[in-house]
Amino acid sequence: MYLTALSATACAILYWAGVPHWYAIEMVLVAFFFGLPLYVIWLVRFGLAAGRGAVDGRVGRWVLPWIMQFTISKPSMEAYARTVTSQTNWVVSNM
């Protein structure tokens, strides 16, 4: 039941964010009145599971791919930034 409510809320917000006319106030209201209580329920359930010892060190593995992805792409991003700034300087100096 929780997953269904969370999925419905997320789908509504994603749909409203994807249409040409943003439903800004609707997204805020749905996030506040549906998303916030669902988040509180999740925190309580997570806290209860942690109290029973059902939560272990595997949580760090969820974060690791994003950290590694940033670390791997950082040199590429810096190389791209150097290329863009050198091209910008070339354009400005030739004007």
PDB file of N, CA and C in Angstrom:
ATOM      1  N   MET A   1       0.822  -1.188   0.000  1.00  0.00           N
ATOM      2  CA  MET A   1       0.000   0.000   0.000  1.00  0.00           C
ATOM      3  C   MET A   1       0.871   1.259   0.000  1.00  0.00           C
ATOM      4  N   TYR A   2       1.956   1.219   0.771  1.00  0.00           N
ATOM      5  CA  TYR A   2       2.869   2.366   0.832  1.00  0.00           C
ATOM      6  C   TYR A   2       3.503   2.617  -0.534  1.00  0.00           C
ATOM      7  N   LEU A   3       3.976   1.551  -1.159  1.00  0.00           N
ATOM      8  CA  LEU A   3       4.623   1.691  -2.459  1.00  0.00           C
ATOM      9  C   LEU A   3       3.658   2.218  -3.516  1.00  0.00           C
ATOM     10  N   THR A   4       2.422   1.811  -3.454  1.00  0.00           N
ATOM     11  CA  THR A   4       1.411   2.301  -4.390  1.00  0.00           C
ATOM     12  C   THR A   4       1.170   3.790  -4.198  1.00  0.00           C
ATOM     13  N   ALA A   5       1.050   4.225  -2.949  1.00  0.00           N
ATOM     14  CA  ALA A   5       0.831   5.653  -2.674  1.00  0.00           C
ATOM     15  C   ALA A   5       2.048   6.476  -3.092  1.00  0.00           C
ATOM     16  N   LEU A   6       3.228   5.970  -2.800  1.00  0.00           N
ATOM     17  CA  LEU A   6       4.452   6.687  -3.178  1.00  0.00           C
ATOM     18  C   LEU A   6       4.589   6.770  -4.696  1.00  0.00           C
ATOM     19  N   SER A   7       4.295   5.670  -5.386  1.00  0.00           N
ATOM     20  CA  SER A   7       4.389   5.658  -6.847  1.00  0.00           C
ATOM     21  C   SER A   7       3.374   6.591  -7.485  1.00  0.00           C
ATOM     22  N   ALA A   8       2.156   6.612  -6.963  1.00  0.00           N
ATOM     23  CA  ALA A   8       1.125   7.497  -7.511  1.00  0.00           C
ATOM     24  C   ALA A   8       1.513   8.958  -7.313  1.00  0.00           C
ATOM     25  N   THR A   9       2.035   9.293  -6.143  1.00  0.00           N
ATOM     26  CA  THR A   9       2.467  10.666  -5.880  1.00  0.00           C
ATOM     27  C   THR A   9       3.613  11.051  -6.800  1.00  0.00           C
ATOM     28  N   ALA A  10       4.600  10.174  -6.937  1.00  0.00           N
ATOM     29  CA  ALA A  10       5.743  10.463  -7.803  1.00  0.00           C
ATOM     30  C   ALA A  10       5.322  10.583  -9.259  1.00  0.00           C
ATOM     31  N   CYS A  11       4.420   9.727  -9.710  1.00  0.00           N
ATOM     32  CA  CYS A  11       3.949   9.799 -11.099  1.00  0.00           C
ATOM     33  C   CYS A  11       3.201  11.096 -11.372  1.00  0.00           C
ATOM     34  N   ALA A  12       2.382  11.532 -10.437  1.00  0.00           N
ATOM     35  CA  ALA A  12       1.656  12.792 -10.618  1.00  0.00           C
ATOM     36  C   ALA A  12       2.624  13.963 -10.713  1.00  0.00           C
ATOM     37  N   ILE A  13       3.606  13.991  -9.827  1.00  0.00           N
ATOM     38  CA  ILE A  13       4.576  15.096  -9.852  1.00  0.00           C
ATOM     39  C   ILE A  13       5.410  15.047 -11.123  1.00  0.00           C
ATOM     40  N   LEU A  14       5.862  13.863 -11.526  1.00  0.00           N
ATOM     41  CA  LEU A  14       6.651  13.753 -12.757  1.00  0.00           C
ATOM     42  C   LEU A  14       5.837  14.116 -13.988  1.00  0.00           C
ATOM     43  N   TYR A  15       4.573  13.741 -14.017  1.00  0.00           N
ATOM     44  CA  TYR A  15       3.723  14.116 -15.151  1.00  0.00           C
ATOM     45  C   TYR A  15       3.570  15.631 -15.217  1.00  0.00           C
ATOM     46  N   TRP A  16       3.273  16.238 -14.074  1.00  0.00           N
ATOM     47  CA  TRP A  16       3.074  17.696 -14.063  1.00  0.00           C
ATOM     48  C   TRP A  16       4.371  18.430 -14.397  1.00  0.00           C
ATOM     49  N   ALA A  17       5.494  17.856 -14.066  1.00  0.00           N
ATOM     50  CA  ALA A  17       6.766  18.497 -14.408  1.00  0.00           C
ATOM     51  C   ALA A  17       7.097  18.342 -15.886  1.00  0.00           C
ATOM     52  N   GLY A  18       6.503  17.336 -16.548  1.00  0.00           N
ATOM     53  CA  GLY A  18       6.835  17.063 -17.937  1.00  0.00           C
ATOM     54  C   GLY A  18       5.926  17.697 -18.966  1.00  0.00           C
ATOM     55  N   VAL A  19       4.817  18.273 -18.560  1.00  0.00           N
ATOM     56  CA  VAL A  19       3.914  18.894 -19.533  1.00  0.00           C
ATOM     57  C   VAL A  19       4.390  20.302 -19.852  1.00  0.00           C
ATOM     58  N   PRO A  20       3.994  20.839 -21.000  1.00  0.00           N
ATOM     59  CA  PRO A  20       4.474  22.172 -21.381  1.00  0.00           C
ATOM     60  C   PRO A  20       4.136  23.270 -20.357  1.00  0.00           C
ATOM     61  N   HIS A  21       2.966  23.192 -19.768  1.00  0.00           N
ATOM     62  CA  HIS A  21       2.603  24.193 -18.757  1.00  0.00           C
ATOM     63  C   HIS A  21       2.808  23.578 -17.382  1.00  0.00           C
ATOM     64  N   TRP A  22       3.732  24.124 -16.625  1.00  0.00           N
ATOM     65  CA  TRP A  22       4.042  23.583 -15.304  1.00  0.00           C
ATOM     66  C   TRP A  22       2.881  23.817 -14.350  1.00  0.00           C
ATOM     67  N   TYR A  23       2.538  22.783 -13.636  1.00  0.00           N
ATOM     68  CA  TYR A  23       1.549  22.877 -12.578  1.00  0.00           C
ATOM     69  C   TYR A  23       2.304  23.096 -11.272  1.00  0.00           C
ATOM     70  N   ALA A  24       2.864  24.269 -11.114  1.00  0.00           N
ATOM     71  CA  ALA A  24       3.768  24.527  -9.994  1.00  0.00           C
ATOM     72  C   ALA A  24       3.067  24.408  -8.642  1.00  0.00           C
ATOM     73  N   ILE A  25       1.938  25.063  -8.477  1.00  0.00           N
ATOM     74  CA  ILE A  25       1.268  25.041  -7.183  1.00  0.00           C
ATOM     75  C   ILE A  25       0.737  23.644  -6.877  1.00  0.00           C
ATOM     76  N   GLU A  26       0.278  22.935  -7.916  1.00  0.00           N
ATOM     77  CA  GLU A  26      -0.201  21.571  -7.701  1.00  0.00           C
ATOM     78  C   GLU A  26       0.927  20.656  -7.251  1.00  0.00           C
ATOM     79  N   MET A  27       2.117  20.810  -7.882  1.00  0.00           N
ATOM     80  CA  MET A  27       3.260  19.983  -7.495  1.00  0.00           C
ATOM     81  C   MET A  27       3.656  20.241  -6.048  1.00  0.00           C
ATOM     82  N   VAL A  28       3.649  21.502  -5.644  1.00  0.00           N
ATOM     83  CA  VAL A  28       4.011  21.843  -4.270  1.00  0.00           C
ATOM     84  C   VAL A  28       2.990  21.273  -3.290  1.00  0.00           C
ATOM     85  N   LEU A  29       1.714  21.428  -3.615  1.00  0.00           N
ATOM     86  CA  LEU A  29       0.678  20.921  -2.716  1.00  0.00           C
ATOM     87  C   LEU A  29       0.705  19.398  -2.599  1.00  0.00           C
ATOM     88  N   VAL A  30       0.868  18.712  -3.723  1.00  0.00           N
ATOM     89  CA  VAL A  30       0.944  17.252  -3.681  1.00  0.00           C
ATOM     90  C   VAL A  30       2.185  16.807  -2.921  1.00  0.00           C
ATOM     91  N   ALA A  31       3.316  17.457  -3.183  1.00  0.00           N
ATOM     92  CA  ALA A  31       4.543  17.098  -2.465  1.00  0.00           C
ATOM     93  C   ALA A  31       4.389  17.341  -0.964  1.00  0.00           C
ATOM     94  N   PHE A  32       3.712  18.423  -0.585  1.00  0.00           N
ATOM     95  CA  PHE A  32       3.565  18.743   0.835  1.00  0.00           C
ATOM     96  C   PHE A  32       2.548  17.836   1.524  1.00  0.00           C
ATOM     97  N   PHE A  33       1.370  17.697   0.928  1.00  0.00           N
ATOM     98  CA  PHE A  33       0.293  16.960   1.595  1.00  0.00           C
ATOM     99  C   PHE A  33       0.367  15.441   1.410  1.00  0.00           C
ATOM    100  N   PHE A  34       1.032  14.972   0.357  1.00  0.00           N
ATOM    101  CA  PHE A  34       1.159  13.530   0.152  1.00  0.00           C
ATOM    102  C   PHE A  34       2.600  13.063   0.340  1.00  0.00           C
ATOM    103  N   GLY A  35       3.539  13.787  -0.256  1.00  0.00           N
ATOM    104  CA  GLY A  35       4.937  13.377  -0.176  1.00  0.00           C
ATOM    105  C   GLY A  35       5.524  13.479   1.220  1.00  0.00           C
ATOM    106  N   LEU A  36       5.222  14.555   1.923  1.00  0.00           N
ATOM    107  CA  LEU A  36       5.766  14.735   3.278  1.00  0.00           C
ATOM    108  C   LEU A  36       5.257  13.662   4.244  1.00  0.00           C
ATOM    109  N   PRO A  37       3.955  13.363   4.287  1.00  0.00           N
ATOM    110  CA  PRO A  37       3.525  12.262   5.164  1.00  0.00           C
ATOM    111  C   PRO A  37       4.124  10.906   4.777  1.00  0.00           C
ATOM    112  N   LEU A  38       4.269  10.655   3.477  1.00  0.00           N
ATOM    113  CA  LEU A  38       4.898   9.405   3.061  1.00  0.00           C
ATOM    114  C   LEU A  38       6.357   9.344   3.497  1.00  0.00           C
ATOM    115  N   TYR A  39       7.038  10.473   3.446  1.00  0.00           N
ATOM    116  CA  TYR A  39       8.426  10.532   3.906  1.00  0.00           C
ATOM    117  C   TYR A  39       8.515  10.293   5.406  1.00  0.00           C
ATOM    118  N   VAL A  40       7.601  10.869   6.163  1.00  0.00           N
ATOM    119  CA  VAL A  40       7.576  10.655   7.615  1.00  0.00           C
ATOM    120  C   VAL A  40       7.302   9.184   7.931  1.00  0.00           C
ATOM    121  N   ILE A  41       6.361   8.573   7.201  1.00  0.00           N
ATOM    122  CA  ILE A  41       6.088   7.143   7.393  1.00  0.00           C
ATOM    123  C   ILE A  41       7.337   6.324   7.103  1.00  0.00           C
ATOM    124  N   TRP A  42       8.047   6.669   6.037  1.00  0.00           N
ATOM    125  CA  TRP A  42       9.273   5.947   5.701  1.00  0.00           C
ATOM    126  C   TRP A  42      10.313   6.096   6.802  1.00  0.00           C
ATOM    127  N   LEU A  43      10.477   7.319   7.332  1.00  0.00           N
ATOM    128  CA  LEU A  43      11.442   7.527   8.410  1.00  0.00           C
ATOM    129  C   LEU A  43      11.101   6.695   9.638  1.00  0.00           C
ATOM    130  N   VAL A  44       9.824   6.634   9.983  1.00  0.00           N
ATOM    131  CA  VAL A  44       9.410   5.832  11.147  1.00  0.00           C
ATOM    132  C   VAL A  44       9.689   4.358  10.893  1.00  0.00           C
ATOM    133  N   ARG A  45       9.311   3.873   9.724  1.00  0.00           N
ATOM    134  CA  ARG A  45       9.555   2.462   9.407  1.00  0.00           C
ATOM    135  C   ARG A  45      11.042   2.153   9.378  1.00  0.00           C
ATOM    136  N   PHE A  46      11.840   3.049   8.846  1.00  0.00           N
ATOM    137  CA  PHE A  46      13.292   2.850   8.811  1.00  0.00           C
ATOM    138  C   PHE A  46      13.867   2.848  10.222  1.00  0.00           C
ATOM    139  N   GLY A  47      13.368   3.757  11.060  1.00  0.00           N
ATOM    140  CA  GLY A  47      13.824   3.791  12.450  1.00  0.00           C
ATOM    141  C   GLY A  47      13.465   2.522  13.205  1.00  0.00           C
ATOM    142  N   LEU A  48      12.263   2.015  12.989  1.00  0.00           N
ATOM    143  CA  LEU A  48      11.861   0.762  13.632  1.00  0.00           C
ATOM    144  C   LEU A  48      12.723  -0.404  13.147  1.00  0.00           C
ATOM    145  N   ALA A  49      13.009  -0.439  11.867  1.00  0.00           N
ATOM    146  CA  ALA A  49      13.852  -1.504  11.330  1.00  0.00           C
ATOM    147  C   ALA A  49      15.272  -1.397  11.862  1.00  0.00           C
ATOM    148  N   ALA A  50      15.780  -0.178  12.007  1.00  0.00           N
ATOM    149  CA  ALA A  50      17.123   0.005  12.552  1.00  0.00           C
ATOM    150  C   ALA A  50      17.171  -0.418  14.015  1.00  0.00           C
ATOM    151  N   GLY A  51      16.091  -0.174  14.756  1.00  0.00           N
ATOM    152  CA  GLY A  51      16.027  -0.585  16.158  1.00  0.00           C
ATOM    153  C   GLY A  51      16.036  -2.087  16.321  1.00  0.00           C
ATOM    154  N   ARG A  52      15.479  -2.809  15.363  1.00  0.00           N
ATOM    155  CA  ARG A  52      15.463  -4.271  15.406  1.00  0.00           C
ATOM    156  C   ARG A  52      16.755  -4.871  14.872  1.00  0.00           C
ATOM    157  N   GLY A  53      17.632  -4.036  14.331  1.00  0.00           N
ATOM    158  CA  GLY A  53      18.884  -4.529  13.767  1.00  0.00           C
ATOM    159  C   GLY A  53      18.764  -4.991  12.335  1.00  0.00           C
ATOM    160  N   ALA A  54      17.687  -4.625  11.667  1.00  0.00           N
ATOM    161  CA  ALA A  54      17.476  -5.054  10.286  1.00  0.00           C
ATOM    162  C   ALA A  54      18.223  -4.179   9.279  1.00  0.00           C
ATOM    163  N   VAL A  55      18.814  -3.088   9.741  1.00  0.00           N
ATOM    164  CA  VAL A  55      19.562  -2.196   8.863  1.00  0.00           C
ATOM    165  C   VAL A  55      21.036  -2.411   9.161  1.00  0.00           C
ATOM    166  N   ASP A  56      21.807  -2.687   8.122  1.00  0.00           N
ATOM    167  CA  ASP A  56      23.236  -2.899   8.328  1.00  0.00           C
ATOM    168  C   ASP A  56      24.038  -1.937   7.464  1.00  0.00           C
ATOM    169  N   GLY A  57      25.304  -2.210   7.262  1.00  0.00           N
ATOM    170  CA  GLY A  57      26.202  -1.308   6.550  1.00  0.00           C
ATOM    171  C   GLY A  57      26.014  -1.266   5.056  1.00  0.00           C
ATOM    172  N   ARG A  58      25.020  -1.952   4.545  1.00  0.00           N
ATOM    173  CA  ARG A  58      24.814  -1.960   3.097  1.00  0.00           C
ATOM    174  C   ARG A  58      24.298  -0.627   2.570  1.00  0.00           C
ATOM    175  N   VAL A  59      23.875   0.264   3.441  1.00  0.00           N
ATOM    176  CA  VAL A  59      23.343   1.556   2.993  1.00  0.00           C
ATOM    177  C   VAL A  59      24.410   2.331   2.237  1.00  0.00           C
ATOM    178  N   GLY A  60      25.664   2.197   2.647  1.00  0.00           N
ATOM    179  CA  GLY A  60      26.765   2.882   1.963  1.00  0.00           C
ATOM    180  C   GLY A  60      26.915   2.469   0.513  1.00  0.00           C
ATOM    181  N   ARG A  61      26.512   1.248   0.190  1.00  0.00           N
ATOM    182  CA  ARG A  61      26.612   0.797  -1.199  1.00  0.00           C
ATOM    183  C   ARG A  61      25.619   1.511  -2.097  1.00  0.00           C
ATOM    184  N   TRP A  62      24.547   2.036  -1.541  1.00  0.00           N
ATOM    185  CA  TRP A  62      23.584   2.773  -2.359  1.00  0.00           C
ATOM    186  C   TRP A  62      24.160   4.092  -2.823  1.00  0.00           C
ATOM    187  N   VAL A  63      25.013   4.680  -2.018  1.00  0.00           N
ATOM    188  CA  VAL A  63      25.573   5.993  -2.327  1.00  0.00           C
ATOM    189  C   VAL A  63      26.812   5.865  -3.208  1.00  0.00           C
ATOM    190  N   LEU A  64      27.509   4.762  -3.109  1.00  0.00           N
ATOM    191  CA  LEU A  64      28.777   4.582  -3.796  1.00  0.00           C
ATOM    192  C   LEU A  64      28.713   4.784  -5.307  1.00  0.00           C
ATOM    193  N   PRO A  65      27.727   4.263  -6.041  1.00  0.00           N
ATOM    194  CA  PRO A  65      27.744   4.481  -7.498  1.00  0.00           C
ATOM    195  C   PRO A  65      27.721   5.950  -7.905  1.00  0.00           C
ATOM    196  N   TRP A  66      26.985   6.786  -7.187  1.00  0.00           N
ATOM    197  CA  TRP A  66      26.936   8.208  -7.547  1.00  0.00           C
ATOM    198  C   TRP A  66      28.277   8.878  -7.260  1.00  0.00           C
ATOM    199  N   ILE A  67      28.923   8.512  -6.164  1.00  0.00           N
ATOM    200  CA  ILE A  67      30.231   9.089  -5.852  1.00  0.00           C
ATOM    201  C   ILE A  67      31.239   8.647  -6.901  1.00  0.00           C
ATOM    202  N   MET A  68      31.224   7.365  -7.246  1.00  0.00           N
ATOM    203  CA  MET A  68      32.168   6.864  -8.252  1.00  0.00           C
ATOM    204  C   MET A  68      31.890   7.488  -9.598  1.00  0.00           C
ATOM    205  N   GLN A  69      30.629   7.668  -9.952  1.00  0.00           N
ATOM    206  CA  GLN A  69      30.302   8.254 -11.246  1.00  0.00           C
ATOM    207  C   GLN A  69      30.852   9.674 -11.321  1.00  0.00           C
ATOM    208  N   PHE A  70      30.720  10.445 -10.240  1.00  0.00           N
ATOM    209  CA  PHE A  70      31.247  11.808 -10.238  1.00  0.00           C
ATOM    210  C   PHE A  70      32.759  11.784 -10.313  1.00  0.00           C
ATOM    211  N   THR A  71      33.405  10.872  -9.594  1.00  0.00           N
ATOM    212  CA  THR A  71      34.859  10.791  -9.586  1.00  0.00           C
ATOM    213  C   THR A  71      35.383  10.431 -10.961  1.00  0.00           C
ATOM    214  N   ILE A  72      34.709   9.503 -11.629  1.00  0.00           N
ATOM    215  CA  ILE A  72      35.149   9.098 -12.962  1.00  0.00           C
ATOM    216  C   ILE A  72      34.931  10.220 -13.968  1.00  0.00           C
ATOM    217  N   SER A  73      33.850  10.943 -13.856  1.00  0.00           N
ATOM    218  CA  SER A  73      33.546  11.967 -14.847  1.00  0.00           C
ATOM    219  C   SER A  73      34.220  13.301 -14.558  1.00  0.00           C
ATOM    220  N   LYS A  74      34.794  13.472 -13.370  1.00  0.00           N
ATOM    221  CA  LYS A  74      35.418  14.749 -13.025  1.00  0.00           C
ATOM    222  C   LYS A  74      36.561  15.114 -13.971  1.00  0.00           C
ATOM    223  N   PRO A  75      37.504  14.206 -14.284  1.00  0.00           N
ATOM    224  CA  PRO A  75      38.563  14.579 -15.242  1.00  0.00           C
ATOM    225  C   PRO A  75      37.999  14.925 -16.620  1.00  0.00           C
ATOM    226  N   SER A  76      36.984  14.209 -17.045  1.00  0.00           N
ATOM    227  CA  SER A  76      36.376  14.518 -18.345  1.00  0.00           C
ATOM    228  C   SER A  76      35.735  15.899 -18.334  1.00  0.00           C
ATOM    229  N   MET A  77      35.068  16.221 -17.224  1.00  0.00           N
ATOM    230  CA  MET A  77      34.423  17.528 -17.114  1.00  0.00           C
ATOM    231  C   MET A  77      35.466  18.647 -17.083  1.00  0.00           C
ATOM    232  N   GLU A  78      36.556  18.414 -16.381  1.00  0.00           N
ATOM    233  CA  GLU A  78      37.612  19.440 -16.337  1.00  0.00           C
ATOM    234  C   GLU A  78      38.242  19.631 -17.718  1.00  0.00           C
ATOM    235  N   ALA A  79      38.457  18.531 -18.454  1.00  0.00           N
ATOM    236  CA  ALA A  79      39.007  18.639 -19.808  1.00  0.00           C
ATOM    237  C   ALA A  79      38.043  19.391 -20.715  1.00  0.00           C
ATOM    238  N   TYR A  80      36.754  19.116 -20.587  1.00  0.00           N
ATOM    239  CA  TYR A  80      35.754  19.821 -21.384  1.00  0.00           C
ATOM    240  C   TYR A  80      35.733  21.310 -21.031  1.00  0.00           C
ATOM    241  N   ALA A  81      35.836  21.623 -19.745  1.00  0.00           N
ATOM    242  CA  ALA A  81      35.847  23.025 -19.324  1.00  0.00           C
ATOM    243  C   ALA A  81      37.069  23.756 -19.882  1.00  0.00           C
ATOM    244  N   ARG A  82      38.219  23.092 -19.891  1.00  0.00           N
ATOM    245  CA  ARG A  82      39.419  23.721 -20.469  1.00  0.00           C
ATOM    246  C   ARG A  82      39.227  23.956 -21.965  1.00  0.00           C
ATOM    247  N   THR A  83      38.602  23.017 -22.654  1.00  0.00           N
ATOM    248  CA  THR A  83      38.363  23.165 -24.092  1.00  0.00           C
ATOM    249  C   THR A  83      37.428  24.335 -24.366  1.00  0.00           C
ATOM    250  N   VAL A  84      36.364  24.434 -23.593  1.00  0.00           N
ATOM    251  CA  VAL A  84      35.403  25.514 -23.794  1.00  0.00           C
ATOM    252  C   VAL A  84      36.034  26.868 -23.523  1.00  0.00           C
ATOM    253  N   THR A  85      36.794  26.977 -22.426  1.00  0.00           N
ATOM    254  CA  THR A  85      37.417  28.272 -22.119  1.00  0.00           C
ATOM    255  C   THR A  85      38.473  28.635 -23.143  1.00  0.00           C
ATOM    256  N   SER A  86      39.220  27.669 -23.675  1.00  0.00           N
ATOM    257  CA  SER A  86      40.221  27.998 -24.688  1.00  0.00           C
ATOM    258  C   SER A  86      39.542  28.425 -25.988  1.00  0.00           C
ATOM    259  N   GLN A  87      38.418  27.786 -26.340  1.00  0.00           N
ATOM    260  CA  GLN A  87      37.688  28.191 -27.538  1.00  0.00           C
ATOM    261  C   GLN A  87      37.069  29.568 -27.355  1.00  0.00           C
ATOM    262  N   THR A  88      36.585  29.853 -26.157  1.00  0.00           N
ATOM    263  CA  THR A  88      36.009  31.169 -25.887  1.00  0.00           C
ATOM    264  C   THR A  88      37.080  32.242 -25.997  1.00  0.00           C
ATOM    265  N   ASN A  89      38.258  31.983 -25.445  1.00  0.00           N
ATOM    266  CA  ASN A  89      39.360  32.951 -25.536  1.00  0.00           C
ATOM    267  C   ASN A  89      39.787  33.141 -26.982  1.00  0.00           C
ATOM    268  N   TRP A  90      39.792  32.066 -27.800  1.00  0.00           N
ATOM    269  CA  TRP A  90      40.162  32.156 -29.188  1.00  0.00           C
ATOM    270  C   TRP A  90      39.161  33.009 -29.952  1.00  0.00           C
ATOM    271  N   VAL A  91      37.874  32.835 -29.699  1.00  0.00           N
ATOM    272  CA  VAL A  91      36.830  33.602 -30.373  1.00  0.00           C
ATOM    273  C   VAL A  91      36.937  35.068 -29.988  1.00  0.00           C
ATOM    274  N   VAL A  92      37.131  35.352 -28.710  1.00  0.00           N
ATOM    275  CA  VAL A  92      37.214  36.743 -28.237  1.00  0.00           C
ATOM    276  C   VAL A  92      38.443  37.426 -28.805  1.00  0.00           C
ATOM    277  N   SER A  93      39.590  36.733 -28.873  1.00  0.00           N
ATOM    278  CA  SER A  93      40.797  37.368 -29.369  1.00  0.00           C
ATOM    279  C   SER A  93      40.764  37.588 -30.873  1.00  0.00           C
ATOM    280  N   ASN A  94      39.979  36.837 -31.607  1.00  0.00           N
ATOM    281  CA  ASN A  94      39.880  36.991 -33.060  1.00  0.00           C
ATOM    282  C   ASN A  94      38.788  37.943 -33.482  1.00  0.00           C
ATOM    283  N   MET A  95      38.084  38.542 -32.589  1.00  0.00           N
ATOM    284  CA  MET A  95      37.000  39.455 -32.971  1.00  0.00           C
ATOM    285  C   MET A  95      37.522  40.828 -33.215  1.00  0.00           C
TER     286      MET A  95
END
